[in-house]
Amino acid sequence: MNLKKQIKDRPAFLLAAIFLPVGIFLLTGDDLVGRQITDLGGYWARPLTYIRILGAITIALSALLLIKSIQFRRGREYEVKKIAIGWGFEAGMTAAALVAYCIVMPLITFVPATFALVFGMNLLYKRKEGSASPKEDSFAPPAESRRGARSRWTYYLNSAVYALLATFVLYMIFTKLLHAVLP
């Protein structure tokens, strides 16, 4: 029997096939949190306990998703759901920006790297939102705001203010609420 003909939901099958090994790794991995002595609070205070619970939940949900995605009865015909992943300009630029962010953040610290990422992504997606055709200028303001230099500056100023506020909020969450040490 051909497995390709039995799969009725390819995205669900692919997701289950990816997360099943991740769940097995989380459940069976011994050295995931290092050799920390954490017997002070008993079994429920150990970090490895919650990692194993997460692994068991991931395995259970992946198994259910796998069962859902495979057709077990022979006589029925299902409409096969295909995987549709759009890799446009914005997706490529987002992936490149995130990789650059991970490389640059230890060098220039959290605040400038996060500001640059949020500012660039804001410009990128505002451009997509406001453009009439996909062949327009990459990082220029949207078509309706190209009436003059003043509207162009307000476009960039709005993006900068948004990036500054988002960076400030993220900084406060990580440093004050979560007590994380940022680079």
N, C-alpha and C. Protein backbone atom coordinates (compact mmCIF):
# COMPACT_ATOMS: atom_id res chain seq x y z
N MET A 1 0.84 -1.18 0.00
CA MET A 1 0.00 0.00 0.00
C MET A 1 0.89 1.25 0.00
N ASN A 2 0.54 2.22 -0.82
CA ASN A 2 1.33 3.43 -0.99
C ASN A 2 0.97 4.45 0.09
N LEU A 3 1.97 4.88 0.87
CA LEU A 3 1.72 5.84 1.95
C LEU A 3 1.32 7.20 1.40
N LYS A 4 1.84 7.55 0.22
CA LYS A 4 1.52 8.85 -0.36
C LYS A 4 0.02 8.97 -0.66
N LYS A 5 -0.61 7.88 -1.04
CA LYS A 5 -2.05 7.91 -1.31
C LYS A 5 -2.88 7.89 -0.04
N GLN A 6 -2.29 7.48 1.06
CA GLN A 6 -3.03 7.42 2.32
C GLN A 6 -3.03 8.74 3.08
N ILE A 7 -2.14 9.63 2.75
CA ILE A 7 -2.07 10.91 3.46
C ILE A 7 -3.15 11.83 2.91
N LYS A 8 -4.06 12.24 3.78
CA LYS A 8 -5.15 13.11 3.32
C LYS A 8 -4.91 14.58 3.68
N ASP A 9 -4.02 14.85 4.63
CA ASP A 9 -3.73 16.22 5.04
C ASP A 9 -2.21 16.36 5.17
N ARG A 10 -1.57 16.81 4.10
CA ARG A 10 -0.11 16.87 4.06
C ARG A 10 0.48 17.86 5.06
N PRO A 11 -0.09 19.06 5.22
CA PRO A 11 0.50 19.96 6.24
C PRO A 11 0.46 19.37 7.65
N ALA A 12 -0.63 18.73 8.01
CA ALA A 12 -0.72 18.12 9.34
C ALA A 12 0.27 16.96 9.47
N PHE A 13 0.43 16.18 8.42
CA PHE A 13 1.38 15.08 8.45
C PHE A 13 2.81 15.58 8.60
N LEU A 14 3.15 16.65 7.87
CA LEU A 14 4.49 17.23 7.95
C LEU A 14 4.75 17.80 9.35
N LEU A 15 3.78 18.48 9.90
CA LEU A 15 3.93 19.04 11.24
C LEU A 15 4.11 17.94 12.28
N ALA A 16 3.34 16.87 12.16
CA ALA A 16 3.48 15.75 13.09
C ALA A 16 4.84 15.06 12.93
N ALA A 17 5.29 14.93 11.69
CA ALA A 17 6.58 14.29 11.44
C ALA A 17 7.74 15.13 11.97
N ILE A 18 7.58 16.43 12.02
CA ILE A 18 8.63 17.30 12.56
C ILE A 18 8.61 17.29 14.09
N PHE A 19 7.44 17.38 14.69
CA PHE A 19 7.36 17.53 16.14
C PHE A 19 7.42 16.22 16.92
N LEU A 20 7.19 15.09 16.29
CA LEU A 20 7.30 13.81 16.99
C LEU A 20 8.73 13.55 17.46
N PRO A 21 9.74 13.71 16.61
CA PRO A 21 11.12 13.54 17.12
C PRO A 21 11.52 14.60 18.16
N VAL A 22 10.99 15.82 18.03
CA VAL A 22 11.28 16.85 19.03
C VAL A 22 10.73 16.42 20.39
N GLY A 23 9.51 15.90 20.41
CA GLY A 23 8.93 15.42 21.65
C GLY A 23 9.68 14.25 22.24
N ILE A 24 10.13 13.33 21.38
CA ILE A 24 10.92 12.20 21.86
C ILE A 24 12.25 12.68 22.46
N PHE A 25 12.86 13.66 21.80
CA PHE A 25 14.11 14.22 22.33
C PHE A 25 13.89 14.88 23.69
N LEU A 26 12.81 15.65 23.82
CA LEU A 26 12.53 16.30 25.10
C LEU A 26 12.21 15.30 26.20
N LEU A 27 11.56 14.22 25.84
CA LEU A 27 11.18 13.22 26.84
C LEU A 27 12.36 12.36 27.27
N THR A 28 13.25 12.04 26.35
CA THR A 28 14.33 11.10 26.67
C THR A 28 15.68 11.77 26.91
N GLY A 29 15.81 13.04 26.62
CA GLY A 29 17.11 13.71 26.80
C GLY A 29 17.48 13.82 28.26
N ASP A 30 18.70 13.38 28.60
CA ASP A 30 19.13 13.39 30.00
C ASP A 30 19.84 14.68 30.38
N ASP A 31 20.61 15.25 29.48
CA ASP A 31 21.44 16.38 29.83
C ASP A 31 20.91 17.67 29.20
N LEU A 32 19.63 17.93 29.33
CA LEU A 32 19.04 19.12 28.72
C LEU A 32 19.25 20.37 29.56
N VAL A 33 19.33 20.24 30.87
CA VAL A 33 19.49 21.41 31.73
C VAL A 33 20.81 21.41 32.46
N GLY A 34 21.71 20.52 32.13
CA GLY A 34 23.00 20.48 32.78
C GLY A 34 22.94 19.69 34.07
N ARG A 35 23.99 19.75 34.80
CA ARG A 35 24.11 18.99 36.06
C ARG A 35 23.83 19.88 37.27
N GLN A 36 22.69 20.51 37.28
CA GLN A 36 22.34 21.39 38.39
C GLN A 36 21.74 20.59 39.53
N ILE A 37 22.08 20.98 40.73
CA ILE A 37 21.49 20.34 41.91
C ILE A 37 20.22 21.10 42.23
N THR A 38 19.09 20.45 42.01
CA THR A 38 17.80 21.12 42.22
C THR A 38 16.87 20.25 43.04
N ASP A 39 17.39 19.67 44.13
CA ASP A 39 16.55 18.82 44.96
C ASP A 39 15.87 19.58 46.10
N LEU A 40 15.99 20.89 46.11
CA LEU A 40 15.45 21.67 47.22
C LEU A 40 13.93 21.64 47.28
N GLY A 41 13.26 21.63 46.16
CA GLY A 41 11.81 21.69 46.18
C GLY A 41 11.14 20.38 45.82
N GLY A 42 11.89 19.33 45.73
CA GLY A 42 11.32 18.04 45.38
C GLY A 42 11.22 17.85 43.88
N TYR A 43 10.44 16.87 43.49
CA TYR A 43 10.34 16.49 42.07
C TYR A 43 9.76 17.60 41.21
N TRP A 44 8.78 18.32 41.72
CA TRP A 44 8.10 19.34 40.93
C TRP A 44 8.90 20.64 40.80
N ALA A 45 9.99 20.78 41.54
CA ALA A 45 10.83 21.97 41.43
C ALA A 45 11.96 21.79 40.43
N ARG A 46 12.15 20.61 39.92
CA ARG A 46 13.22 20.36 38.96
C ARG A 46 12.82 20.84 37.57
N PRO A 47 13.73 21.53 36.88
CA PRO A 47 13.41 21.99 35.52
C PRO A 47 13.19 20.83 34.55
N LEU A 48 13.89 19.73 34.76
CA LEU A 48 13.76 18.60 33.85
C LEU A 48 12.36 17.99 33.89
N THR A 49 11.67 18.12 35.02
CA THR A 49 10.30 17.62 35.13
C THR A 49 9.39 18.28 34.11
N TYR A 50 9.48 19.59 33.99
CA TYR A 50 8.61 20.31 33.07
C TYR A 50 9.02 20.11 31.62
N ILE A 51 10.29 19.89 31.38
CA ILE A 51 10.74 19.58 30.02
C ILE A 51 10.19 18.22 29.61
N ARG A 52 10.19 17.26 30.51
CA ARG A 52 9.64 15.93 30.19
C ARG A 52 8.12 15.98 30.00
N ILE A 53 7.44 16.79 30.81
CA ILE A 53 5.99 16.95 30.62
C ILE A 53 5.71 17.58 29.26
N LEU A 54 6.49 18.59 28.89
CA LEU A 54 6.35 19.21 27.58
C LEU A 54 6.62 18.20 26.46
N GLY A 55 7.62 17.34 26.65
CA GLY A 55 7.91 16.30 25.67
C GLY A 55 6.76 15.31 25.53
N ALA A 56 6.16 14.90 26.65
CA ALA A 56 5.03 13.97 26.59
C ALA A 56 3.82 14.60 25.91
N ILE A 57 3.56 15.87 26.20
CA ILE A 57 2.44 16.56 25.55
C ILE A 57 2.70 16.69 24.05
N THR A 58 3.94 17.02 23.68
CA THR A 58 4.29 17.14 22.26
C THR A 58 4.13 15.81 21.53
N ILE A 59 4.55 14.72 22.15
CA ILE A 59 4.39 13.39 21.53
C ILE A 59 2.91 13.05 21.38
N ALA A 60 2.11 13.30 22.41
CA ALA A 60 0.68 12.97 22.35
C ALA A 60 -0.02 13.78 21.26
N LEU A 61 0.25 15.08 21.20
CA LEU A 61 -0.40 15.91 20.17
C LEU A 61 0.10 15.57 18.77
N SER A 62 1.37 15.23 18.64
CA SER A 62 1.90 14.83 17.33
C SER A 62 1.29 13.51 16.87
N ALA A 63 1.11 12.58 17.81
CA ALA A 63 0.48 11.31 17.45
C ALA A 63 -0.97 11.52 17.01
N LEU A 64 -1.70 12.39 17.72
CA LEU A 64 -3.07 12.68 17.31
C LEU A 64 -3.12 13.34 15.93
N LEU A 65 -2.19 14.25 15.69
CA LEU A 65 -2.12 14.92 14.39
C LEU A 65 -1.76 13.94 13.28
N LEU A 66 -0.89 13.00 13.59
CA LEU A 66 -0.51 11.97 12.63
C LEU A 66 -1.69 11.07 12.30
N ILE A 67 -2.45 10.69 13.31
CA ILE A 67 -3.64 9.87 13.08
C ILE A 67 -4.67 10.63 12.26
N LYS A 68 -4.82 11.92 12.53
CA LYS A 68 -5.78 12.75 11.81
C LYS A 68 -5.40 12.89 10.33
N SER A 69 -4.10 12.92 10.06
CA SER A 69 -3.67 13.20 8.69
C SER A 69 -3.60 11.98 7.78
N ILE A 70 -3.69 10.78 8.34
CA ILE A 70 -3.60 9.57 7.53
C ILE A 70 -4.98 8.96 7.36
N GLN A 71 -5.27 8.53 6.14
CA GLN A 71 -6.54 7.88 5.81
C GLN A 71 -6.37 6.38 6.06
N PHE A 72 -7.16 5.82 6.98
CA PHE A 72 -7.03 4.42 7.31
C PHE A 72 -8.04 3.54 6.59
N ARG A 73 -9.16 4.09 6.17
CA ARG A 73 -10.18 3.31 5.48
C ARG A 73 -9.90 3.33 3.99
N ARG A 74 -10.12 2.21 3.33
CA ARG A 74 -9.75 2.10 1.93
C ARG A 74 -10.77 2.68 0.98
N GLY A 75 -11.99 2.55 1.19
CA GLY A 75 -12.99 2.93 0.21
C GLY A 75 -13.20 4.42 0.02
N ARG A 76 -12.82 5.22 0.96
CA ARG A 76 -13.10 6.65 0.90
C ARG A 76 -12.03 7.40 0.13
N GLU A 77 -12.50 8.43 -0.55
CA GLU A 77 -11.58 9.34 -1.24
C GLU A 77 -11.66 10.70 -0.56
N TYR A 78 -10.54 11.24 -0.22
CA TYR A 78 -10.47 12.54 0.42
C TYR A 78 -9.82 13.54 -0.52
N GLU A 79 -10.18 14.79 -0.35
CA GLU A 79 -9.49 15.84 -1.08
C GLU A 79 -8.17 16.10 -0.36
N VAL A 80 -7.08 15.95 -1.07
CA VAL A 80 -5.76 16.09 -0.46
C VAL A 80 -5.44 17.57 -0.29
N LYS A 81 -5.10 17.95 0.93
CA LYS A 81 -4.70 19.33 1.19
C LYS A 81 -3.22 19.46 0.90
N LYS A 82 -2.88 20.39 0.04
CA LYS A 82 -1.49 20.60 -0.34
C LYS A 82 -0.87 21.68 0.54
N ILE A 83 0.44 21.66 0.61
CA ILE A 83 1.16 22.66 1.38
C ILE A 83 1.40 23.87 0.49
N ALA A 84 1.00 25.02 0.95
CA ALA A 84 1.21 26.25 0.19
C ALA A 84 2.02 27.22 1.05
N ILE A 85 3.30 27.32 0.74
CA ILE A 85 4.18 28.24 1.47
C ILE A 85 4.57 29.34 0.51
N GLY A 86 4.22 30.56 0.86
CA GLY A 86 4.57 31.69 0.01
C GLY A 86 5.92 32.26 0.41
N TRP A 87 6.86 32.20 -0.49
CA TRP A 87 8.19 32.77 -0.24
C TRP A 87 8.35 33.98 -1.12
N GLY A 88 7.78 35.08 -0.70
CA GLY A 88 7.89 36.31 -1.45
C GLY A 88 9.05 37.15 -0.94
N PHE A 89 9.07 38.38 -1.41
CA PHE A 89 10.11 39.32 -1.03
C PHE A 89 10.11 39.57 0.48
N GLU A 90 8.93 39.75 1.05
CA GLU A 90 8.82 40.06 2.47
C GLU A 90 9.30 38.91 3.35
N ALA A 91 8.96 37.68 2.97
CA ALA A 91 9.40 36.53 3.76
C ALA A 91 10.91 36.38 3.72
N GLY A 92 11.50 36.58 2.56
CA GLY A 92 12.95 36.50 2.45
C GLY A 92 13.65 37.60 3.23
N MET A 93 13.13 38.81 3.15
CA MET A 93 13.72 39.93 3.90
C MET A 93 13.56 39.74 5.41
N THR A 94 12.43 39.17 5.85
CA THR A 94 12.23 38.92 7.27
C THR A 94 13.21 37.87 7.78
N ALA A 95 13.39 36.79 7.02
CA ALA A 95 14.34 35.76 7.42
C ALA A 95 15.76 36.31 7.47
N ALA A 96 16.14 37.09 6.45
CA ALA A 96 17.48 37.69 6.43
C ALA A 96 17.67 38.65 7.59
N ALA A 97 16.65 39.43 7.91
CA ALA A 97 16.75 40.39 9.01
C ALA A 97 16.88 39.68 10.35
N LEU A 98 16.17 38.58 10.54
CA LEU A 98 16.28 37.84 11.80
C LEU A 98 17.64 37.18 11.96
N VAL A 99 18.20 36.66 10.87
CA VAL A 99 19.55 36.08 10.93
C VAL A 99 20.57 37.18 11.24
N ALA A 100 20.45 38.32 10.56
CA ALA A 100 21.35 39.44 10.82
C ALA A 100 21.20 39.94 12.26
N TYR A 101 19.99 39.96 12.79
CA TYR A 101 19.75 40.38 14.17
C TYR A 101 20.47 39.46 15.15
N CYS A 102 20.40 38.16 14.92
CA CYS A 102 21.07 37.20 15.80
C CYS A 102 22.59 37.35 15.75
N ILE A 103 23.12 37.71 14.58
CA ILE A 103 24.57 37.88 14.46
C ILE A 103 25.03 39.20 15.06
N VAL A 104 24.27 40.26 14.85
CA VAL A 104 24.69 41.60 15.23
C VAL A 104 24.39 41.93 16.69
N MET A 105 23.38 41.34 17.29
CA MET A 105 22.97 41.72 18.64
C MET A 105 24.08 41.56 19.68
N PRO A 106 24.87 40.49 19.70
CA PRO A 106 25.95 40.45 20.70
C PRO A 106 27.01 41.53 20.48
N LEU A 107 27.14 42.03 19.26
CA LEU A 107 28.16 43.02 18.96
C LEU A 107 27.74 44.44 19.33
N ILE A 108 26.49 44.80 19.05
CA ILE A 108 26.06 46.18 19.28
C ILE A 108 25.03 46.31 20.40
N THR A 109 24.76 45.28 21.12
CA THR A 109 23.83 45.18 22.26
C THR A 109 22.36 45.15 21.81
N PHE A 110 21.52 44.91 22.79
CA PHE A 110 20.10 44.64 22.55
C PHE A 110 19.34 45.84 21.98
N VAL A 111 19.52 47.01 22.59
CA VAL A 111 18.68 48.16 22.25
C VAL A 111 18.87 48.61 20.80
N PRO A 112 20.09 48.88 20.32
CA PRO A 112 20.21 49.32 18.92
C PRO A 112 19.83 48.24 17.91
N ALA A 113 20.16 46.99 18.23
CA ALA A 113 19.82 45.90 17.30
C ALA A 113 18.31 45.72 17.19
N THR A 114 17.62 45.78 18.33
CA THR A 114 16.17 45.62 18.32
C THR A 114 15.50 46.82 17.65
N PHE A 115 16.00 48.01 17.90
CA PHE A 115 15.45 49.19 17.24
C PHE A 115 15.58 49.07 15.72
N ALA A 116 16.78 48.67 15.25
CA ALA A 116 17.00 48.54 13.81
C ALA A 116 16.09 47.47 13.21
N LEU A 117 15.91 46.35 13.92
CA LEU A 117 15.05 45.27 13.41
C LEU A 117 13.60 45.74 13.32
N VAL A 118 13.09 46.34 14.37
CA VAL A 118 11.68 46.76 14.38
C VAL A 118 11.46 47.88 13.36
N PHE A 119 12.40 48.81 13.25
CA PHE A 119 12.28 49.90 12.29
C PHE A 119 12.28 49.35 10.86
N GLY A 120 13.20 48.45 10.56
CA GLY A 120 13.25 47.87 9.22
C GLY A 120 12.02 47.05 8.87
N MET A 121 11.56 46.23 9.82
CA MET A 121 10.37 45.42 9.56
C MET A 121 9.13 46.30 9.42
N ASN A 122 9.08 47.38 10.19
CA ASN A 122 7.96 48.31 10.08
C ASN A 122 7.93 48.96 8.70
N LEU A 123 9.08 49.41 8.23
CA LEU A 123 9.15 49.99 6.89
C LEU A 123 8.78 48.97 5.82
N LEU A 124 9.28 47.76 5.98
CA LEU A 124 9.01 46.70 4.99
C LEU A 124 7.52 46.40 4.89
N TYR A 125 6.87 46.21 6.02
CA TYR A 125 5.46 45.82 5.98
C TYR A 125 4.52 47.00 5.76
N LYS A 126 4.94 48.21 6.10
CA LYS A 126 4.14 49.38 5.72
C LYS A 126 4.19 49.57 4.21
N ARG A 127 5.34 49.28 3.62
CA ARG A 127 5.48 49.38 2.17
C ARG A 127 4.54 48.39 1.49
N LYS A 128 4.49 47.18 2.01
CA LYS A 128 3.62 46.17 1.42
C LYS A 128 2.15 46.56 1.59
N GLU A 129 1.81 47.08 2.75
CA GLU A 129 0.43 47.46 3.04
C GLU A 129 -0.05 48.60 2.15
N GLY A 130 0.84 49.55 1.87
CA GLY A 130 0.43 50.73 1.14
C GLY A 130 0.69 50.69 -0.34
N SER A 131 1.41 49.71 -0.85
CA SER A 131 1.75 49.71 -2.27
C SER A 131 0.62 49.17 -3.12
N ALA A 132 0.46 49.78 -4.27
CA ALA A 132 -0.58 49.34 -5.20
C ALA A 132 -0.10 48.16 -6.03
N SER A 133 1.17 48.15 -6.35
CA SER A 133 1.72 47.04 -7.14
C SER A 133 2.98 46.53 -6.45
N PRO A 134 3.29 45.26 -6.62
CA PRO A 134 4.45 44.70 -5.95
C PRO A 134 5.78 45.17 -6.53
N LYS A 135 5.78 45.86 -7.67
CA LYS A 135 7.02 46.29 -8.29
C LYS A 135 7.43 47.69 -7.88
N GLU A 136 6.82 48.23 -6.84
CA GLU A 136 7.16 49.57 -6.40
C GLU A 136 8.50 49.58 -5.68
N ASP A 137 8.97 50.78 -5.40
CA ASP A 137 10.23 51.01 -4.72
C ASP A 137 10.27 50.26 -3.39
N SER A 138 11.41 49.65 -3.03
CA SER A 138 11.49 48.79 -1.86
C SER A 138 11.21 49.49 -0.54
N PHE A 139 11.98 50.50 -0.20
CA PHE A 139 11.82 51.10 1.11
C PHE A 139 11.33 52.55 1.04
N ALA A 140 10.65 52.87 -0.01
CA ALA A 140 10.06 54.20 -0.13
C ALA A 140 8.69 54.19 0.54
N PRO A 141 8.18 55.36 0.91
CA PRO A 141 6.85 55.40 1.53
C PRO A 141 5.78 54.87 0.57
N PRO A 142 4.64 54.46 1.10
CA PRO A 142 3.56 53.98 0.25
C PRO A 142 3.10 55.05 -0.74
N ALA A 143 2.39 54.61 -1.75
CA ALA A 143 2.02 55.49 -2.86
C ALA A 143 1.18 56.69 -2.41
N GLU A 144 0.26 56.51 -1.45
CA GLU A 144 -0.61 57.62 -1.08
C GLU A 144 0.14 58.68 -0.26
N SER A 145 1.31 58.36 0.28
CA SER A 145 2.03 59.36 1.07
C SER A 145 3.22 59.94 0.32
N ARG A 146 3.29 59.77 -0.99
CA ARG A 146 4.40 60.30 -1.77
C ARG A 146 4.10 61.69 -2.34
N ARG A 147 3.31 62.43 -1.68
CA ARG A 147 2.92 63.73 -2.22
C ARG A 147 3.98 64.80 -2.01
N GLY A 148 4.85 64.62 -1.04
CA GLY A 148 5.86 65.64 -0.81
C GLY A 148 6.86 65.20 0.23
N ALA A 149 7.85 66.06 0.45
CA ALA A 149 8.91 65.74 1.39
C ALA A 149 8.38 65.67 2.82
N ARG A 150 7.38 66.49 3.12
CA ARG A 150 6.84 66.51 4.48
C ARG A 150 6.18 65.17 4.82
N SER A 151 5.39 64.62 3.92
CA SER A 151 4.74 63.35 4.20
C SER A 151 5.76 62.21 4.25
N ARG A 152 6.83 62.33 3.49
CA ARG A 152 7.88 61.31 3.53
C ARG A 152 8.56 61.32 4.90
N TRP A 153 8.84 62.50 5.42
CA TRP A 153 9.47 62.58 6.73
C TRP A 153 8.54 62.11 7.84
N THR A 154 7.25 62.41 7.73
CA THR A 154 6.32 61.92 8.75
C THR A 154 6.20 60.40 8.69
N TYR A 155 6.31 59.84 7.50
CA TYR A 155 6.29 58.38 7.35
C TYR A 155 7.46 57.75 8.10
N TYR A 156 8.66 58.26 7.88
CA TYR A 156 9.84 57.72 8.55
C TYR A 156 9.83 58.04 10.04
N LEU A 157 9.33 59.19 10.42
CA LEU A 157 9.25 59.57 11.82
C LEU A 157 8.27 58.67 12.58
N ASN A 158 7.13 58.38 11.96
CA ASN A 158 6.16 57.46 12.58
C ASN A 158 6.77 56.08 12.78
N SER A 159 7.50 55.60 11.78
CA SER A 159 8.15 54.29 11.90
C SER A 159 9.20 54.30 13.00
N ALA A 160 9.96 55.39 13.11
CA ALA A 160 10.99 55.49 14.14
C ALA A 160 10.37 55.55 15.55
N VAL A 161 9.30 56.30 15.70
CA VAL A 161 8.64 56.39 17.01
C VAL A 161 8.07 55.04 17.41
N TYR A 162 7.45 54.34 16.47
CA TYR A 162 6.92 53.01 16.76
C TYR A 162 8.05 52.06 17.17
N ALA A 163 9.17 52.08 16.44
CA ALA A 163 10.29 51.21 16.76
C ALA A 163 10.88 51.55 18.12
N LEU A 164 10.95 52.83 18.43
CA LEU A 164 11.48 53.25 19.72
C LEU A 164 10.57 52.78 20.86
N LEU A 165 9.27 52.94 20.71
CA LEU A 165 8.34 52.48 21.75
C LEU A 165 8.37 50.96 21.90
N ALA A 166 8.40 50.24 20.79
CA ALA A 166 8.44 48.78 20.86
C ALA A 166 9.73 48.30 21.52
N THR A 167 10.85 48.94 21.20
CA THR A 167 12.13 48.58 21.81
C THR A 167 12.11 48.87 23.31
N PHE A 168 11.55 50.01 23.70
CA PHE A 168 11.45 50.35 25.12
C PHE A 168 10.60 49.34 25.87
N VAL A 169 9.46 48.97 25.30
CA VAL A 169 8.57 48.00 25.96
C VAL A 169 9.26 46.65 26.09
N LEU A 170 9.93 46.19 25.04
CA LEU A 170 10.65 44.92 25.11
C LEU A 170 11.78 44.97 26.14
N TYR A 171 12.49 46.08 26.17
CA TYR A 171 13.57 46.23 27.14
C TYR A 171 13.03 46.17 28.56
N MET A 172 11.93 46.85 28.83
CA MET A 172 11.34 46.85 30.16
C MET A 172 10.83 45.46 30.54
N ILE A 173 10.22 44.77 29.60
CA ILE A 173 9.72 43.42 29.89
C ILE A 173 10.88 42.49 30.25
N PHE A 174 11.95 42.51 29.45
CA PHE A 174 13.05 41.60 29.70
C PHE A 174 13.86 41.97 30.95
N THR A 175 14.11 43.25 31.18
CA THR A 175 14.96 43.62 32.31
C THR A 175 14.20 43.73 33.62
N LYS A 176 13.04 44.34 33.61
CA LYS A 176 12.33 44.59 34.88
C LYS A 176 11.40 43.45 35.27
N LEU A 177 10.67 42.93 34.30
CA LEU A 177 9.69 41.89 34.62
C LEU A 177 10.33 40.50 34.70
N LEU A 178 11.17 40.17 33.71
CA LEU A 178 11.78 38.83 33.67
C LEU A 178 13.18 38.78 34.28
N HIS A 179 13.73 39.92 34.63
CA HIS A 179 15.07 40.04 35.24
C HIS A 179 16.13 39.35 34.39
N ALA A 180 16.05 39.53 33.09
CA ALA A 180 17.03 38.92 32.19
C ALA A 180 18.19 39.88 32.00
N VAL A 181 19.38 39.32 31.82
CA VAL A 181 20.57 40.12 31.52
C VAL A 181 20.71 40.15 30.02
N LEU A 182 20.61 41.34 29.45
CA LEU A 182 20.67 41.50 28.00
C LEU A 182 22.08 41.87 27.56
N PRO A 183 22.46 41.47 26.35
CA PRO A 183 23.81 41.83 25.86
C PRO A 183 23.92 43.32 25.57
